[in-house]
Amino acid sequence: MGVQNGYTNGHSNGVKSSSEYTVTEAPMGTRRHLRIVTIGAGASGLNMARHVELHMDNIEHIVYEKNRDVGGTWFENRYPGCACDLPGSNYQFTWEPNPDWPHFYSSAPEILQYFKDVAQKYELYKYIKLSHIVVGAQWDEDHGIWNLQVKSLETGETFDDWCHMLINGSGILNNWRWPDIPGLHSFKGPLMHSAAWKDEYDLKGKTVAVLGCGSSGVQIVPNIQPDVKHLITFIRTPTWITAGFAQSHAGPGGSNFKFSEDQKRVWREDPQSYIAYCKEIESELNRRFKIILKDSPEQAEAVLFSTNEMKTKLGGHEQLIKNLIPEFAVGCRRPTPGNGYLEALTKDNVRVVTDNIKQIVPEGIELSTGELLKIDAFICATGFDISFSPRFPMTGRNGVSLAEQWKEKPEAYLSLAAANFPNYFMFLGPNAPIGHGSVIPIIEHATKYMINFMKRLQTQSIKSITPLPRAISDFNAHTTTFMSRTAWSTNCRSWFKNGKIDGPIVALHPGSRIHWFHMLRDVRYEDWEYTYWTDNRFQYLGNGFSTWEGEGMDTTFYFDQPEEGYLDY
């Protein structure tokens, strides 16, 4: 079968004569069987599992999770002080509000427990295969499926699987990486990455080095500083250190605090009061996008406020002020909330090093100055591979490798799909709106988009969907031009730019979160290429009847809401 005019057809002119065409003896809206595989049982996988169950029929859904339990990044990250820089009230599913968060800013164990509770309450574990990792995926054009290779991490066995729809929910920051430093693994003491913490090692009374001043590093330093003998922390680039997000609702100076039992009881007994509280904070987070516009009054105010806050917390320490306060815009790198971090840098047992590292030796760290820093343990809070390519080899239409296609620059359709990769969706792909606020509503909106599209595949004889290269090119042209007006484009090295100083900005959406939600609401089906299971795209119309007029259904529904159906764009 060839592909003509965007749909599968076995005839050179793309049309079958009426004498050859047959009507499908089923009502319009009949849903064919669909097999879905989701990769990852973090927030994305759990939300997908819940809503596939609620909103789809005649499906089989399997979620492969490489870890021993659900939770994603909150299962993996367990370093001292690991917490969310957003309030727990806004790092939760909107469909499962939790009035019992112990603290305003939730710790990693608290968030992990929330996701485990969700999986248990809604019986989502039945869809999830734990300790299973997808190790390969190839698109089969003839059969309209993905062929998968999956490895059990318990038995070591690798087996084959398949699906009609492949959904990548493995997240942005899940493939941690070591820093590229000569001799790193020659160090004889404990060498730890923040995303692979060794709980068994006791840091008390030890000389410890911490490399990195991103989100993980600024949480680790103040949490281990009181217990270690000496703490050496490396700051390679200046960074804006702020209080946590939504600090107007936090404790004094943006600090964390514990909710009282009375407050939690009020919220349990009056759920609407809790929702109002959540919405108030969410509204504040949504308004933060104005800060990202580099020439805005809000950006100027953010620079002034953050500068004064950092100077105050550094206690007038001129060298630290010089080395830490950036010249680039607030938001060029993701603002790093770090309650207690700046104060910890001024303690007597802490040394801040800004010299370059020459190499790692068995005893410790050799600086470019020739000085040897002898240490007992080395902690690398050095981030993740953010190339956006899956950790496994993935081959799409015509043998195209996604890793090769995205080698220079990852480009996606609205962060959700890639050219040459049919029936493949991803959460939080390139240019998602992750620059301000919680990812949870982003995941929820993406899930709606994906499920609505999958239901279309089920009911309209669609074999495959792929975003058109021209649509992706146009979107990325707009994105590139827009980004020049943002703080993200100023002179800093950021994972938003895949670790580069001068871009391109691959991680962020050209607009606010609300802008992205608005954009997704209008599904632009014209931006997609389709192939069909039949030679006639309208064969899904079936026998003249609709599933809307089945036995016992209300066939006069249009009387109830006569003004319903008018859309806003």
Protein backbone atom coordinates (compact mmCIF):
# COMPACT_ATOMS: atom_id res chain seq x y z
CA MET A 1 0.00 0.00 0.00
CA GLY A 2 1.37 3.43 -0.87
CA VAL A 3 0.85 6.75 0.84
CA GLN A 4 -0.87 9.36 -1.31
CA ASN A 5 -2.29 12.75 -0.37
CA GLY A 6 -1.62 11.94 3.28
CA TYR A 7 -3.61 8.70 3.41
CA THR A 8 -2.96 5.08 2.53
CA ASN A 9 -4.32 4.09 -0.86
CA GLY A 10 -3.67 1.20 -3.19
CA HIS A 11 -4.80 3.03 -6.30
CA SER A 12 -2.73 5.37 -8.42
CA ASN A 13 -5.40 8.09 -8.46
CA GLY A 14 -6.16 7.75 -4.72
CA VAL A 15 -9.88 6.95 -5.38
CA LYS A 16 -11.83 3.72 -5.43
CA SER A 17 -14.86 3.44 -7.68
CA SER A 18 -18.24 3.22 -5.93
CA SER A 19 -18.69 -0.34 -7.20
CA GLU A 20 -15.56 -1.46 -5.32
CA TYR A 21 -16.34 0.38 -2.09
CA THR A 22 -18.21 -1.34 0.74
CA VAL A 23 -19.94 0.20 3.74
CA THR A 24 -18.67 -0.87 7.17
CA GLU A 25 -21.54 -2.47 9.04
CA ALA A 26 -21.01 -0.57 12.28
CA PRO A 27 -22.30 2.74 13.60
CA MET A 28 -20.19 5.85 13.41
CA GLY A 29 -18.18 6.24 16.63
CA THR A 30 -17.35 2.55 17.03
CA ARG A 31 -13.98 2.31 18.74
CA ARG A 32 -11.44 -0.16 17.42
CA HIS A 33 -9.01 -1.86 19.79
CA LEU A 34 -5.96 0.21 20.66
CA ARG A 35 -2.86 -0.97 22.50
CA ILE A 36 -1.01 1.82 24.33
CA VAL A 37 2.39 1.67 26.01
CA THR A 38 3.49 4.48 28.30
CA ILE A 39 7.11 4.74 29.42
CA GLY A 40 7.49 5.86 33.03
CA ALA A 41 5.24 5.83 36.10
CA GLY A 42 6.03 9.26 37.43
CA ALA A 43 3.42 12.02 37.41
CA SER A 44 2.92 11.74 33.63
CA GLY A 45 2.45 7.98 33.59
CA LEU A 46 0.09 8.00 36.56
CA ASN A 47 -2.04 10.77 35.08
CA MET A 48 -2.18 8.96 31.74
CA ALA A 49 -3.13 5.66 33.40
CA ARG A 50 -5.94 7.29 35.35
CA HIS A 51 -7.44 9.13 32.39
CA VAL A 52 -7.09 6.39 29.80
CA GLU A 53 -9.13 4.32 32.23
CA LEU A 54 -11.73 7.07 32.65
CA HIS A 55 -12.09 8.25 29.07
CA MET A 56 -11.19 5.42 26.69
CA ASP A 57 -12.81 2.09 25.83
CA ASN A 58 -11.58 -1.01 24.05
CA ILE A 59 -7.97 -0.37 24.97
CA GLU A 60 -5.06 -2.20 26.52
CA HIS A 61 -2.66 0.03 28.45
CA ILE A 62 0.73 -0.96 29.85
CA VAL A 63 3.09 1.36 31.75
CA TYR A 64 6.73 0.29 31.93
CA GLU A 65 8.62 1.74 34.89
CA LYS A 66 12.36 1.13 35.36
CA ASN A 67 12.30 1.75 39.13
CA ARG A 68 11.02 -0.49 41.91
CA ASP A 69 8.05 1.81 42.53
CA VAL A 70 6.15 4.74 41.05
CA GLY A 71 7.08 8.38 41.56
CA GLY A 72 9.71 9.03 38.91
CA THR A 73 12.16 11.73 39.93
CA TRP A 74 10.80 11.69 43.49
CA PHE A 75 11.66 8.02 43.81
CA GLU A 76 15.17 8.54 42.46
CA ASN A 77 16.21 11.76 44.19
CA ARG A 78 16.77 11.24 47.91
CA TYR A 79 19.72 13.47 48.74
CA PRO A 80 19.65 15.48 52.01
CA GLY A 81 17.17 18.34 51.76
CA CYS A 82 15.59 17.18 48.51
CA ALA A 83 12.31 19.06 48.17
CA CYS A 84 10.09 20.82 45.67
CA ASP A 85 10.60 24.56 45.26
CA LEU A 86 6.86 24.94 44.68
CA PRO A 87 4.16 24.62 47.35
CA GLY A 88 2.75 21.12 47.71
CA SER A 89 -0.71 22.56 47.15
CA ASN A 90 0.37 23.31 43.59
CA TYR A 91 2.44 20.21 42.97
CA GLN A 92 -0.48 17.81 42.94
CA PHE A 93 -3.07 16.60 40.47
CA THR A 94 -6.02 18.96 40.19
CA TRP A 95 -8.24 15.87 40.34
CA GLU A 96 -6.68 14.64 43.58
CA PRO A 97 -6.16 17.66 45.88
CA ASN A 98 -4.40 16.81 49.13
CA PRO A 99 -5.30 19.02 52.12
CA ASP A 100 -2.91 17.03 54.33
CA TRP A 101 0.48 18.18 53.04
CA PRO A 102 2.65 18.40 56.19
CA HIS A 103 4.63 21.43 54.99
CA PHE A 104 4.17 24.40 52.67
CA TYR A 105 7.13 23.26 50.55
CA SER A 106 6.94 19.49 50.37
CA SER A 107 9.94 17.22 50.78
CA ALA A 108 10.80 14.45 48.32
CA PRO A 109 9.53 11.70 50.66
CA GLU A 110 6.22 13.55 51.09
CA ILE A 111 5.75 13.95 47.33
CA LEU A 112 6.73 10.33 46.67
CA GLN A 113 4.16 9.18 49.23
CA TYR A 114 1.50 11.31 47.53
CA PHE A 115 2.11 9.63 44.16
CA LYS A 116 2.19 6.17 45.75
CA ASP A 117 -1.10 6.94 47.51
CA VAL A 118 -2.65 8.06 44.20
CA ALA A 119 -1.53 4.85 42.48
CA GLN A 120 -2.93 2.78 45.34
CA LYS A 121 -6.22 4.66 45.71
CA TYR A 122 -7.10 4.48 42.02
CA GLU A 123 -5.70 0.95 41.52
CA LEU A 124 -3.21 2.10 38.89
CA TYR A 125 -0.59 -0.49 39.79
CA LYS A 126 -2.56 -3.00 37.70
CA TYR A 127 -1.36 -1.19 34.58
CA ILE A 128 2.26 -0.77 35.71
CA LYS A 129 5.13 -3.21 35.27
CA LEU A 130 7.79 -2.12 37.77
CA SER A 131 11.51 -2.78 37.27
CA HIS A 132 10.99 -2.93 33.50
CA ILE A 133 12.88 -0.70 31.10
CA VAL A 134 12.24 -0.14 27.39
CA VAL A 135 15.55 -0.70 25.60
CA GLY A 136 14.51 -0.30 21.97
CA ALA A 137 11.65 0.86 19.73
CA GLN A 138 11.14 0.57 15.95
CA TRP A 139 8.20 1.79 13.89
CA ASP A 140 6.57 -0.84 11.65
CA GLU A 141 4.94 1.01 8.75
CA ASP A 142 3.12 -1.97 7.30
CA HIS A 143 1.39 -2.97 10.52
CA GLY A 144 1.04 0.53 12.00
CA ILE A 145 2.67 -0.44 15.28
CA TRP A 146 5.74 0.14 17.41
CA ASN A 147 7.87 -2.95 18.02
CA LEU A 148 9.47 -2.72 21.46
CA GLN A 149 12.21 -4.50 23.36
CA VAL A 150 11.72 -4.48 27.11
CA LYS A 151 14.14 -5.67 29.80
CA SER A 152 13.17 -6.94 33.22
CA LEU A 153 15.65 -5.50 35.69
CA GLU A 154 14.84 -8.27 38.16
CA THR A 155 15.51 -11.25 35.89
CA GLY A 156 17.72 -9.65 33.24
CA GLU A 157 15.43 -11.11 30.57
CA THR A 158 14.67 -9.06 27.45
CA PHE A 159 11.39 -9.69 25.64
CA ASP A 160 9.41 -8.23 22.74
CA ASP A 161 6.25 -6.16 22.98
CA TRP A 162 4.29 -3.88 20.68
CA CYS A 163 1.75 -1.06 20.69
CA HIS A 164 -0.28 1.16 18.41
CA MET A 165 0.57 4.26 20.44
CA LEU A 166 3.86 4.88 22.26
CA ILE A 167 3.86 7.60 24.92
CA ASN A 168 7.09 8.76 26.52
CA GLY A 169 6.50 9.93 30.09
CA SER A 170 10.07 9.44 31.29
CA GLY A 171 10.51 13.13 32.09
CA ILE A 172 13.11 15.79 31.37
CA LEU A 173 15.53 15.34 34.26
CA ASN A 174 15.85 11.60 34.66
CA ASN A 175 19.11 10.70 32.92
CA TRP A 176 21.75 12.02 35.30
CA ARG A 177 25.33 12.49 34.18
CA TRP A 178 28.76 12.79 35.72
CA PRO A 179 30.77 15.97 35.12
CA ASP A 180 33.46 15.74 32.47
CA ILE A 181 36.51 16.02 34.74
CA PRO A 182 39.78 14.11 34.17
CA GLY A 183 40.35 11.35 36.69
CA LEU A 184 36.88 11.58 38.23
CA HIS A 185 36.56 7.87 38.91
CA SER A 186 40.08 7.57 40.32
CA PHE A 187 38.86 9.13 43.59
CA LYS A 188 39.21 6.52 46.33
CA GLY A 189 36.46 7.85 48.60
CA PRO A 190 32.67 7.81 48.13
CA LEU A 191 31.74 9.45 44.83
CA MET A 192 28.05 10.33 44.64
CA HIS A 193 25.74 11.99 42.19
CA SER A 194 22.82 13.86 43.73
CA ALA A 195 20.41 11.77 41.63
CA ALA A 196 21.98 8.48 42.79
CA TRP A 197 22.47 9.14 46.48
CA LYS A 198 24.21 6.58 48.71
CA ASP A 199 22.18 6.48 51.89
CA GLU A 200 24.58 4.13 53.58
CA TYR A 201 27.42 6.66 53.80
CA ASP A 202 27.53 8.88 56.90
CA LEU A 203 28.95 12.35 56.16
CA LYS A 204 29.18 13.43 59.79
CA GLY A 205 32.62 14.66 60.76
CA LYS A 206 33.95 14.27 57.21
CA THR A 207 35.54 16.69 54.74
CA VAL A 208 33.08 16.84 51.85
CA ALA A 209 33.18 18.57 48.46
CA VAL A 210 30.02 19.56 46.60
CA LEU A 211 30.23 20.44 42.90
CA GLY A 212 27.28 22.36 41.47
CA CYS A 213 25.05 25.23 42.56
CA GLY A 214 21.85 24.34 40.75
CA SER A 215 18.64 23.20 42.40
CA SER A 216 20.19 20.08 43.95
CA GLY A 217 23.43 21.69 45.09
CA VAL A 218 21.72 24.55 46.91
CA GLN A 219 19.56 22.08 48.83
CA ILE A 220 22.41 19.72 49.74
CA VAL A 221 24.85 22.36 51.07
CA PRO A 222 22.74 23.84 53.91
CA ASN A 223 21.49 20.40 54.91
CA ILE A 224 24.91 18.77 55.35
CA GLN A 225 26.85 21.87 56.48
CA PRO A 226 26.02 21.57 60.21
CA ASP A 227 27.15 17.93 60.32
CA VAL A 228 30.35 17.82 58.26
CA LYS A 229 33.76 18.78 59.52
CA HIS A 230 34.65 20.83 56.45
CA LEU A 231 32.56 21.60 53.39
CA ILE A 232 34.13 22.69 50.11
CA THR A 233 31.67 23.87 47.51
CA PHE A 234 32.50 24.83 43.94
CA ILE A 235 30.70 27.64 42.21
CA ARG A 236 31.63 27.73 38.55
CA THR A 237 29.07 30.30 37.41
CA PRO A 238 27.02 32.99 39.19
CA THR A 239 23.38 32.17 39.77
CA TRP A 240 20.32 33.88 41.18
CA ILE A 241 19.51 32.34 44.55
CA THR A 242 15.97 33.18 45.63
CA ALA A 243 13.41 32.12 48.18
CA GLY A 244 10.97 29.41 47.09
CA PHE A 245 8.24 30.22 44.60
CA ALA A 246 5.01 31.77 45.95
CA GLN A 247 7.04 33.19 48.83
CA SER A 248 4.30 35.68 49.73
CA HIS A 249 2.41 32.68 51.11
CA ALA A 250 5.47 31.10 52.73
CA GLY A 251 7.01 31.75 56.13
CA PRO A 252 9.22 34.72 57.09
CA GLY A 253 11.80 35.43 54.39
CA GLY A 254 10.24 32.82 52.13
CA SER A 255 10.98 30.01 54.60
CA ASN A 256 9.14 26.73 54.84
CA PHE A 257 6.65 26.04 57.61
CA LYS A 258 4.49 23.23 58.95
CA PHE A 259 0.72 23.37 58.50
CA SER A 260 -1.22 23.14 61.74
CA GLU A 261 -3.59 20.25 62.30
CA ASP A 262 -6.42 22.78 62.67
CA GLN A 263 -5.69 24.24 59.24
CA LYS A 264 -5.65 20.81 57.61
CA ARG A 265 -8.90 19.90 59.35
CA VAL A 266 -10.59 23.06 58.02
CA TRP A 267 -9.50 22.16 54.49
CA ARG A 268 -10.68 18.56 54.82
CA GLU A 269 -14.09 19.69 56.06
CA ASP A 270 -14.43 22.49 53.52
CA PRO A 271 -12.76 21.30 50.28
CA GLN A 272 -13.76 24.46 48.42
CA SER A 273 -11.76 26.60 50.82
CA TYR A 274 -8.72 24.46 50.04
CA ILE A 275 -9.29 24.77 46.29
CA ALA A 276 -9.56 28.55 46.70
CA TYR A 277 -6.20 28.54 48.54
CA CYS A 278 -4.60 26.46 45.77
CA LYS A 279 -5.99 28.74 43.08
CA GLU A 280 -4.74 31.86 44.84
CA ILE A 281 -1.18 30.51 44.84
CA GLU A 282 -1.48 29.17 41.28
CA SER A 283 -2.61 32.58 40.10
CA GLU A 284 0.53 34.13 41.60
CA LEU A 285 2.71 31.54 39.87
CA ASN A 286 1.01 32.13 36.52
CA ARG A 287 1.68 35.88 36.72
CA ARG A 288 5.42 35.26 37.00
CA PHE A 289 5.81 35.07 33.22
CA LYS A 290 5.99 38.86 33.07
CA ILE A 291 9.32 38.63 34.86
CA ILE A 292 10.69 36.57 31.96
CA LEU A 293 10.33 39.46 29.49
CA LYS A 294 13.81 40.91 29.75
CA ASP A 295 12.91 44.57 29.27
CA SER A 296 9.82 44.54 31.46
CA PRO A 297 9.39 46.52 34.69
CA GLU A 298 8.80 43.20 36.43
CA GLN A 299 12.25 41.97 35.33
CA ALA A 300 13.94 45.13 36.59
CA GLU A 301 12.12 44.78 39.90
CA ALA A 302 13.14 41.11 40.16
CA VAL A 303 16.81 41.98 39.61
CA LEU A 304 16.73 44.69 42.26
CA PHE A 305 14.89 42.54 44.78
CA SER A 306 17.04 39.45 44.21
CA THR A 307 20.28 41.44 44.40
CA ASN A 308 19.31 43.01 47.71
CA GLU A 309 18.15 39.67 49.12
CA MET A 310 21.38 37.93 48.15
CA LYS A 311 23.56 40.70 49.57
CA THR A 312 21.66 40.60 52.83
CA LYS A 313 21.90 36.84 53.20
CA LEU A 314 25.61 36.85 52.32
CA GLY A 315 26.17 39.24 55.19
CA GLY A 316 28.14 41.74 53.15
CA HIS A 317 30.80 39.16 52.19
CA GLU A 318 32.23 41.06 49.22
CA GLN A 319 34.04 38.16 47.55
CA LEU A 320 30.98 35.94 47.67
CA ILE A 321 28.79 38.78 46.39
CA LYS A 322 31.18 39.29 43.47
CA ASN A 323 31.28 35.58 42.60
CA LEU A 324 27.62 34.74 43.10
CA ILE A 325 25.45 37.61 41.88
CA PRO A 326 24.99 37.33 38.10
CA GLU A 327 24.95 39.99 35.42
CA PHE A 328 22.43 38.11 33.33
CA ALA A 329 18.67 38.48 33.74
CA VAL A 330 16.68 36.81 36.49
CA GLY A 331 15.26 33.69 34.88
CA CYS A 332 18.01 33.16 32.29
CA ARG A 333 18.77 30.07 34.30
CA ARG A 334 15.87 28.67 36.27
CA PRO A 335 15.83 30.72 39.51
CA THR A 336 17.27 28.54 42.24
CA PRO A 337 15.29 28.68 45.47
CA GLY A 338 17.73 27.94 48.25
CA ASN A 339 16.52 28.68 51.74
CA GLY A 340 19.59 28.67 54.00
CA TYR A 341 22.07 28.18 51.15
CA LEU A 342 23.61 31.65 51.06
CA GLU A 343 23.82 31.77 54.84
CA ALA A 344 25.58 28.39 54.85
CA LEU A 345 28.30 29.73 52.54
CA THR A 346 29.35 32.20 55.22
CA LYS A 347 29.87 29.56 57.94
CA ASP A 348 33.34 28.90 59.35
CA ASN A 349 33.48 25.29 58.14
CA VAL A 350 32.61 26.19 54.54
CA ARG A 351 35.02 27.16 51.78
CA VAL A 352 33.74 28.46 48.44
CA VAL A 353 36.06 27.66 45.53
CA THR A 354 35.76 29.47 42.21
CA ASP A 355 39.04 28.21 40.69
CA ASN A 356 38.81 25.65 37.92
CA ILE A 357 39.32 21.97 38.66
CA LYS A 358 42.33 20.51 36.86
CA GLN A 359 41.73 16.87 37.72
CA ILE A 360 40.51 14.43 40.33
CA VAL A 361 43.14 12.29 42.07
CA PRO A 362 42.70 9.43 44.57
CA GLU A 363 43.12 11.81 47.53
CA GLY A 364 40.85 14.55 46.28
CA ILE A 365 40.68 17.49 43.90
CA GLU A 366 43.57 19.25 42.18
CA LEU A 367 42.82 22.86 41.23
CA SER A 368 44.19 24.76 38.24
CA THR A 369 46.31 26.72 40.75
CA GLY A 370 48.10 23.49 41.70
CA GLU A 371 46.48 23.26 45.12
CA LEU A 372 45.36 19.80 46.23
CA LEU A 373 42.15 19.64 48.26
CA LYS A 374 42.08 16.43 50.27
CA ILE A 375 38.52 15.23 50.86
CA ASP A 376 36.67 12.23 52.27
CA ALA A 377 33.65 12.35 49.95
CA PHE A 378 32.80 14.02 46.64
CA ILE A 379 29.20 14.94 45.75
CA CYS A 380 28.40 15.89 42.15
CA ALA A 381 25.19 17.88 41.85
CA THR A 382 25.88 18.36 38.16
CA GLY A 383 22.56 17.74 36.54
CA PHE A 384 21.21 15.65 33.72
CA ASP A 385 21.44 14.88 30.04
CA ILE A 386 18.80 17.18 28.60
CA SER A 387 19.16 16.28 24.92
CA PHE A 388 15.48 15.16 25.00
CA SER A 389 16.34 11.97 23.12
CA PRO A 390 15.12 8.73 24.74
CA ARG A 391 17.71 6.69 26.62
CA PHE A 392 17.08 3.81 24.21
CA PRO A 393 17.59 3.61 20.43
CA MET A 394 14.41 4.68 18.68
CA THR A 395 13.86 4.27 14.94
CA GLY A 396 10.96 5.92 13.17
CA ARG A 397 9.64 6.10 9.62
CA ASN A 398 12.14 5.21 6.88
CA GLY A 399 14.74 4.14 9.45
CA VAL A 400 15.24 7.60 10.94
CA SER A 401 16.94 7.64 14.37
CA LEU A 402 15.50 10.17 16.81
CA ALA A 403 18.90 10.63 18.48
CA GLU A 404 20.43 11.45 15.09
CA GLN A 405 17.51 13.68 14.03
CA TRP A 406 17.88 15.68 17.25
CA LYS A 407 21.68 15.58 17.40
CA GLU A 408 22.12 19.28 16.66
CA LYS A 409 18.84 20.64 17.95
CA PRO A 410 15.71 18.89 19.23
CA GLU A 411 12.62 20.19 17.44
CA ALA A 412 9.12 19.05 18.32
CA TYR A 413 5.54 19.88 17.48
CA LEU A 414 4.22 21.93 20.42
CA SER A 415 6.53 19.85 22.68
CA LEU A 416 4.34 16.78 22.08
CA ALA A 417 5.50 14.96 18.94
CA ALA A 418 8.37 14.61 16.48
CA ALA A 419 8.58 14.50 12.69
CA ASN A 420 9.15 10.99 11.25
CA PHE A 421 7.85 9.31 14.41
CA PRO A 422 4.23 8.23 13.90
CA ASN A 423 1.91 7.49 16.81
CA TYR A 424 4.46 8.80 19.28
CA PHE A 425 3.67 11.38 21.96
CA MET A 426 5.94 12.74 24.66
CA PHE A 427 5.38 14.66 27.85
CA LEU A 428 7.52 17.75 28.51
CA GLY A 429 9.36 17.51 25.21
CA PRO A 430 11.32 20.33 23.57
CA ASN A 431 9.77 23.78 24.11
CA ALA A 432 7.30 22.87 26.85
CA PRO A 433 6.14 25.68 29.19
CA ILE A 434 8.30 24.61 32.14
CA GLY A 435 9.88 28.01 32.85
CA HIS A 436 7.48 29.04 35.60
CA GLY A 437 5.08 27.13 37.77
CA SER A 438 4.30 23.47 38.35
CA VAL A 439 4.62 20.80 35.66
CA ILE A 440 1.52 18.97 36.93
CA PRO A 441 -1.09 21.10 35.08
CA ILE A 442 1.13 20.89 31.99
CA ILE A 443 1.01 17.10 32.21
CA GLU A 444 -2.77 17.16 32.66
CA HIS A 445 -3.35 19.35 29.60
CA ALA A 446 -0.98 17.25 27.49
CA THR A 447 -2.84 14.10 28.56
CA LYS A 448 -6.15 15.56 27.34
CA TYR A 449 -4.59 16.39 23.98
CA MET A 450 -3.14 12.90 23.57
CA ILE A 451 -6.28 11.04 24.65
CA ASN A 452 -8.52 13.12 22.37
CA PHE A 453 -6.20 12.34 19.46
CA MET A 454 -6.08 8.63 20.31
CA LYS A 455 -9.89 8.49 20.41
CA ARG A 456 -9.87 9.98 16.92
CA LEU A 457 -7.57 7.16 15.79
CA GLN A 458 -9.94 4.62 17.31
CA THR A 459 -13.10 5.91 15.64
CA GLN A 460 -11.98 7.21 12.22
CA SER A 461 -9.98 4.30 10.78
CA ILE A 462 -6.73 6.21 11.23
CA LYS A 463 -3.63 4.05 11.09
CA SER A 464 -0.99 6.65 11.93
CA ILE A 465 -0.52 10.31 12.71
CA THR A 466 2.70 12.28 12.30
CA PRO A 467 3.26 16.03 12.64
CA LEU A 468 4.12 17.67 9.34
CA PRO A 469 7.75 18.87 9.08
CA ARG A 470 6.53 22.25 7.78
CA ALA A 471 4.36 22.73 10.86
CA ILE A 472 7.32 22.00 13.14
CA SER A 473 9.55 24.31 11.11
CA ASP A 474 7.03 27.15 11.33
CA PHE A 475 6.57 26.67 15.07
CA ASN A 476 10.32 26.69 15.65
CA ALA A 477 10.80 29.79 13.50
CA HIS A 478 8.29 31.61 15.69
CA THR A 479 9.91 30.23 18.84
CA THR A 480 13.41 31.31 17.85
CA THR A 481 12.32 34.84 17.01
CA PHE A 482 10.20 35.23 20.13
CA MET A 483 12.94 34.05 22.48
CA SER A 484 15.08 37.12 21.80
CA ARG A 485 12.73 39.18 23.97
CA THR A 486 13.08 36.89 26.99
CA ALA A 487 15.44 36.64 29.94
CA TRP A 488 16.25 33.12 28.76
CA SER A 489 18.20 34.56 25.83
CA THR A 490 20.60 36.60 27.98
CA ASN A 491 24.22 35.58 28.52
CA CYS A 492 24.16 32.53 30.78
CA ARG A 493 24.85 28.82 30.56
CA SER A 494 21.60 26.97 31.15
CA TRP A 495 19.99 23.58 30.69
CA PHE A 496 17.24 25.55 28.94
CA LYS A 497 19.86 25.89 26.16
CA ASN A 498 21.23 22.35 26.54
CA GLY A 499 24.14 23.61 28.62
CA LYS A 500 25.20 26.32 26.17
CA ILE A 501 25.58 30.07 26.74
CA ASP A 502 24.16 31.40 23.49
CA GLY A 503 21.33 29.01 22.79
CA PRO A 504 19.26 27.99 20.97
CA ILE A 505 16.62 27.76 23.70
CA VAL A 506 15.29 24.24 23.29
CA ALA A 507 13.52 23.56 26.58
CA LEU A 508 10.95 26.35 26.81
CA HIS A 509 7.70 27.42 25.20
CA PRO A 510 7.50 30.87 23.56
CA GLY A 511 4.93 32.15 26.00
CA SER A 512 3.28 31.62 29.35
CA ARG A 513 1.71 28.44 30.66
CA ILE A 514 -1.76 29.90 30.02
CA HIS A 515 -0.64 30.69 26.47
CA TRP A 516 0.30 27.00 26.01
CA PHE A 517 -2.99 25.76 27.54
CA HIS A 518 -4.89 28.06 25.16
CA MET A 519 -2.85 26.80 22.20
CA LEU A 520 -3.51 23.11 22.96
CA ARG A 521 -7.26 23.60 23.30
CA ASP A 522 -7.58 24.09 19.54
CA VAL A 523 -6.19 20.87 18.06
CA ARG A 524 -4.80 21.81 14.67
CA TYR A 525 -5.49 18.54 12.86
CA GLU A 526 -4.34 20.19 9.63
CA ASP A 527 -0.76 20.14 10.99
CA TRP A 528 -0.67 16.33 10.83
CA GLU A 529 -0.12 13.71 8.16
CA TYR A 530 -2.47 10.73 8.27
CA THR A 531 -2.48 7.20 6.95
CA TYR A 532 -5.62 5.07 7.12
CA TRP A 533 -6.54 1.43 7.59
CA THR A 534 -8.94 1.70 4.64
CA ASP A 535 -8.81 3.17 1.16
CA ASN A 536 -11.58 5.65 1.90
CA ARG A 537 -11.14 8.12 4.75
CA PHE A 538 -14.91 8.31 5.25
CA GLN A 539 -15.47 4.60 5.68
CA TYR A 540 -15.72 5.25 9.42
CA LEU A 541 -19.15 6.80 8.77
CA GLY A 542 -20.38 3.22 8.78
CA ASN A 543 -23.96 2.01 8.46
CA GLY A 544 -25.67 5.37 8.80
CA PHE A 545 -26.22 5.18 12.53
CA SER A 546 -24.26 6.77 15.36
CA THR A 547 -23.09 5.40 18.71
CA TRP A 548 -24.90 8.44 20.12
CA GLU A 549 -28.25 6.76 19.42
CA GLY A 550 -27.69 3.44 21.15
CA GLU A 551 -30.28 1.70 23.31
CA GLY A 552 -31.38 3.89 26.22
CA MET A 553 -29.41 6.96 25.11
CA ASP A 554 -30.93 10.43 25.00
CA THR A 555 -31.25 11.30 21.32
CA THR A 556 -32.68 14.75 22.08
CA PHE A 557 -29.60 16.02 23.95
CA TYR A 558 -29.47 19.15 21.78
CA PHE A 559 -32.61 20.48 23.51
CA ASP A 560 -30.83 20.68 26.86
CA GLN A 561 -28.05 23.16 26.06
CA PRO A 562 -29.03 25.03 22.87
CA GLU A 563 -26.11 27.46 23.21
CA GLU A 564 -23.52 24.73 23.71
CA GLY A 565 -21.00 24.02 20.96
CA TYR A 566 -19.80 27.52 20.11
CA LEU A 567 -16.02 27.60 20.48
CA ASP A 568 -13.44 30.21 21.34
CA TYR A 569 -10.01 30.16 19.71
